[in-house]
Amino acid sequence: MNRQQKKLVVNAVTVVAFTVAMVVGFANIKDAINRSEAIRVMDILGREILQYRKQSGSLPVESYVRQFADKIGTVRFAGFKYRAQWIEFGSDPNKTIVAYSANNYRGFVKAGYVVLWLNGKVEWINKEQFEKILAAQQQQQELQWLQEQLQKNKNNSL
């Protein structure tokens, strides 16, 4: 190989390496932005839910929360699960999940859940920890209802 050919190969390898690094970097930046947006939106929903609870003494129904989410334009916020109907009166606000949203990221931002607690706190929890907490809170009725919904969705997609 002469000098020009070596230079051409080095330049091609450099461009390919730089391109791969940029694609991986931007994919991770996108996931980080989506995660922070999901946390921000859940915080806004949490403030609205707490304000409603303060005014009426109970948690709002799911349709109210969904309408509010549509109204604020939740662009990067995947579908969330709202658990108010399963929360008993007198539940511990620091240990009760009101709403959550699963986020399956790959790369530097790991998969996890954005969780809204009954006390209004919003946080990111890894998948394993979340599933343990939720399993401890779910009652048999809720689990049966979720299974029925999954079965309906499965039948509708066929």
Protein backbone atom coordinates (compact mmCIF):
# COMPACT_ATOMS: atom_id res chain seq x y z
CA MET A 1 0.00 0.00 0.00
CA ASN A 2 1.26 3.39 -0.82
CA ARG A 3 0.97 6.44 1.39
CA GLN A 4 -2.23 7.80 -0.22
CA GLN A 5 -4.02 4.49 0.14
CA LYS A 6 -3.06 4.25 3.83
CA LYS A 7 -4.29 7.78 4.42
CA LEU A 8 -7.58 6.97 2.67
CA VAL A 9 -8.10 3.82 4.80
CA VAL A 10 -7.29 5.72 8.02
CA ASN A 11 -9.73 8.49 7.07
CA ALA A 12 -12.49 5.97 6.23
CA VAL A 13 -12.00 4.12 9.53
CA THR A 14 -12.01 7.44 11.40
CA VAL A 15 -15.27 8.53 9.75
CA VAL A 16 -16.95 5.18 10.46
CA ALA A 17 -15.79 5.19 14.10
CA PHE A 18 -16.93 8.79 14.58
CA THR A 19 -20.31 8.04 13.00
CA VAL A 20 -20.89 4.99 15.21
CA ALA A 21 -19.90 6.97 18.31
CA MET A 22 -22.32 9.77 17.37
CA VAL A 23 -25.22 7.37 16.72
CA VAL A 24 -24.68 5.62 20.06
CA GLY A 25 -24.27 8.96 21.83
CA PHE A 26 -27.39 10.50 20.36
CA ALA A 27 -29.46 7.39 21.10
CA ASN A 28 -28.44 7.63 24.76
CA ILE A 29 -29.07 11.38 24.84
CA LYS A 30 -32.55 10.77 23.38
CA ASP A 31 -33.28 8.19 26.10
CA ALA A 32 -32.07 10.56 28.82
CA ILE A 33 -34.27 13.36 27.45
CA ASN A 34 -37.30 11.05 27.25
CA ARG A 35 -36.69 9.88 30.82
CA SER A 36 -36.47 13.44 32.16
CA GLU A 37 -39.60 14.41 30.19
CA ALA A 38 -41.51 11.44 31.65
CA ILE A 39 -40.47 12.50 35.15
CA ARG A 40 -41.51 16.11 34.45
CA VAL A 41 -44.93 15.09 33.11
CA MET A 42 -45.53 12.70 36.01
CA ASP A 43 -44.68 15.56 38.37
CA ILE A 44 -47.28 17.79 36.68
CA LEU A 45 -49.87 14.99 36.89
CA GLY A 46 -48.94 14.49 40.54
CA ARG A 47 -49.50 18.14 41.38
CA GLU A 48 -52.92 18.04 39.70
CA ILE A 49 -53.88 14.83 41.51
CA LEU A 50 -52.78 16.23 44.87
CA GLN A 51 -54.64 19.50 44.25
CA TYR A 52 -57.81 17.55 43.40
CA ARG A 53 -57.32 15.40 46.50
CA LYS A 54 -56.88 18.49 48.66
CA GLN A 55 -60.07 20.05 47.31
CA SER A 56 -62.32 16.98 47.29
CA GLY A 57 -60.77 14.68 49.89
CA SER A 58 -60.33 11.79 47.46
CA LEU A 59 -58.27 10.86 44.45
CA PRO A 60 -59.69 11.77 41.04
CA VAL A 61 -61.14 9.12 38.75
CA GLU A 62 -58.98 7.82 35.92
CA SER A 63 -60.91 9.64 33.19
CA TYR A 64 -60.20 12.98 34.89
CA VAL A 65 -56.46 12.23 35.03
CA ARG A 66 -56.37 11.02 31.41
CA GLN A 67 -58.21 14.14 30.23
CA PHE A 68 -55.74 16.31 32.13
CA ALA A 69 -52.81 14.41 30.58
CA ASP A 70 -54.28 14.98 27.11
CA LYS A 71 -54.83 18.65 27.90
CA ILE A 72 -51.21 19.28 28.88
CA GLY A 73 -49.94 17.50 25.76
CA THR A 74 -47.78 14.68 27.07
CA VAL A 75 -45.55 14.29 24.02
CA ARG A 76 -42.80 11.96 25.25
CA PHE A 77 -44.82 10.27 27.96
CA ALA A 78 -45.70 6.66 27.27
CA GLY A 79 -48.99 5.33 28.54
CA PHE A 80 -49.22 5.34 32.28
CA LYS A 81 -51.12 3.14 34.69
CA TYR A 82 -53.30 4.88 37.28
CA ARG A 83 -54.07 2.90 40.44
CA ALA A 84 -56.49 5.14 42.40
CA GLN A 85 -59.33 2.63 42.30
CA TRP A 86 -57.13 0.08 44.08
CA ILE A 87 -55.87 2.38 46.83
CA GLU A 88 -57.60 1.98 50.17
CA PHE A 89 -58.49 4.87 52.44
CA GLY A 90 -55.74 5.40 55.00
CA SER A 91 -52.94 3.93 52.85
CA ASP A 92 -49.45 5.10 53.73
CA PRO A 93 -48.69 8.06 51.41
CA ASN A 94 -44.95 7.34 51.49
CA LYS A 95 -45.33 3.71 50.38
CA THR A 96 -48.34 3.74 48.02
CA ILE A 97 -47.97 3.98 44.26
CA VAL A 98 -50.67 6.10 42.59
CA ALA A 99 -49.41 6.05 38.99
CA TYR A 100 -46.51 4.62 37.06
CA SER A 101 -45.11 4.42 33.58
CA ALA A 102 -42.74 1.80 32.21
CA ASN A 103 -39.78 2.97 30.14
CA ASN A 104 -37.73 0.32 28.37
CA TYR A 105 -34.48 2.03 27.49
CA ARG A 106 -31.31 0.29 26.41
CA GLY A 107 -27.80 1.59 26.73
CA PHE A 108 -26.57 3.94 29.43
CA VAL A 109 -30.13 4.78 30.56
CA LYS A 110 -31.47 1.53 31.98
CA ALA A 111 -35.08 0.33 31.85
CA GLY A 112 -37.23 1.37 34.76
CA TYR A 113 -40.39 3.08 35.91
CA VAL A 114 -41.41 6.64 36.62
CA VAL A 115 -43.45 6.36 39.81
CA LEU A 116 -45.86 8.80 41.44
CA TRP A 117 -46.33 8.11 45.14
CA LEU A 118 -49.45 9.05 47.10
CA ASN A 119 -47.47 11.79 48.88
CA GLY A 120 -46.79 13.47 45.50
CA LYS A 121 -43.15 12.44 45.17
CA VAL A 122 -42.03 11.39 41.69
CA GLU A 123 -39.01 9.21 41.18
CA TRP A 124 -37.27 6.83 38.81
CA ILE A 125 -37.09 3.25 40.06
CA ASN A 126 -35.30 0.35 38.41
CA LYS A 127 -37.44 -2.47 37.06
CA GLU A 128 -36.63 -5.12 39.68
CA GLN A 129 -37.21 -2.82 42.67
CA PHE A 130 -40.47 -1.49 41.21
CA GLU A 131 -41.89 -4.94 40.55
CA LYS A 132 -41.25 -5.96 44.18
CA ILE A 133 -42.95 -2.82 45.53
CA LEU A 134 -45.94 -3.11 43.21
CA ALA A 135 -46.39 -6.84 43.89
CA ALA A 136 -46.58 -6.10 47.61
CA GLN A 137 -49.32 -3.48 46.99
CA GLN A 138 -51.45 -5.27 44.43
CA GLN A 139 -54.48 -7.15 45.65
CA GLN A 140 -55.93 -10.24 43.98
CA GLN A 141 -58.78 -8.18 42.46
CA GLU A 142 -56.36 -5.81 40.75
CA LEU A 143 -54.27 -8.67 39.38
CA GLN A 144 -57.37 -10.42 38.03
CA TRP A 145 -58.59 -7.19 36.40
CA LEU A 146 -55.16 -6.63 34.77
CA GLN A 147 -55.16 -10.17 33.40
CA GLU A 148 -58.64 -9.65 31.94
CA GLN A 149 -57.51 -6.41 30.28
CA LEU A 150 -54.46 -8.12 28.79
CA GLN A 151 -56.64 -10.93 27.49
CA LYS A 152 -59.08 -8.42 25.92
CA ASN A 153 -56.20 -6.57 24.25
CA LYS A 154 -54.79 -9.86 22.98
CA ASN A 155 -58.18 -10.93 21.56
CA ASN A 156 -58.74 -7.52 19.93
CA SER A 157 -55.36 -7.64 18.21
CA LEU A 158 -56.08 -11.01 16.60
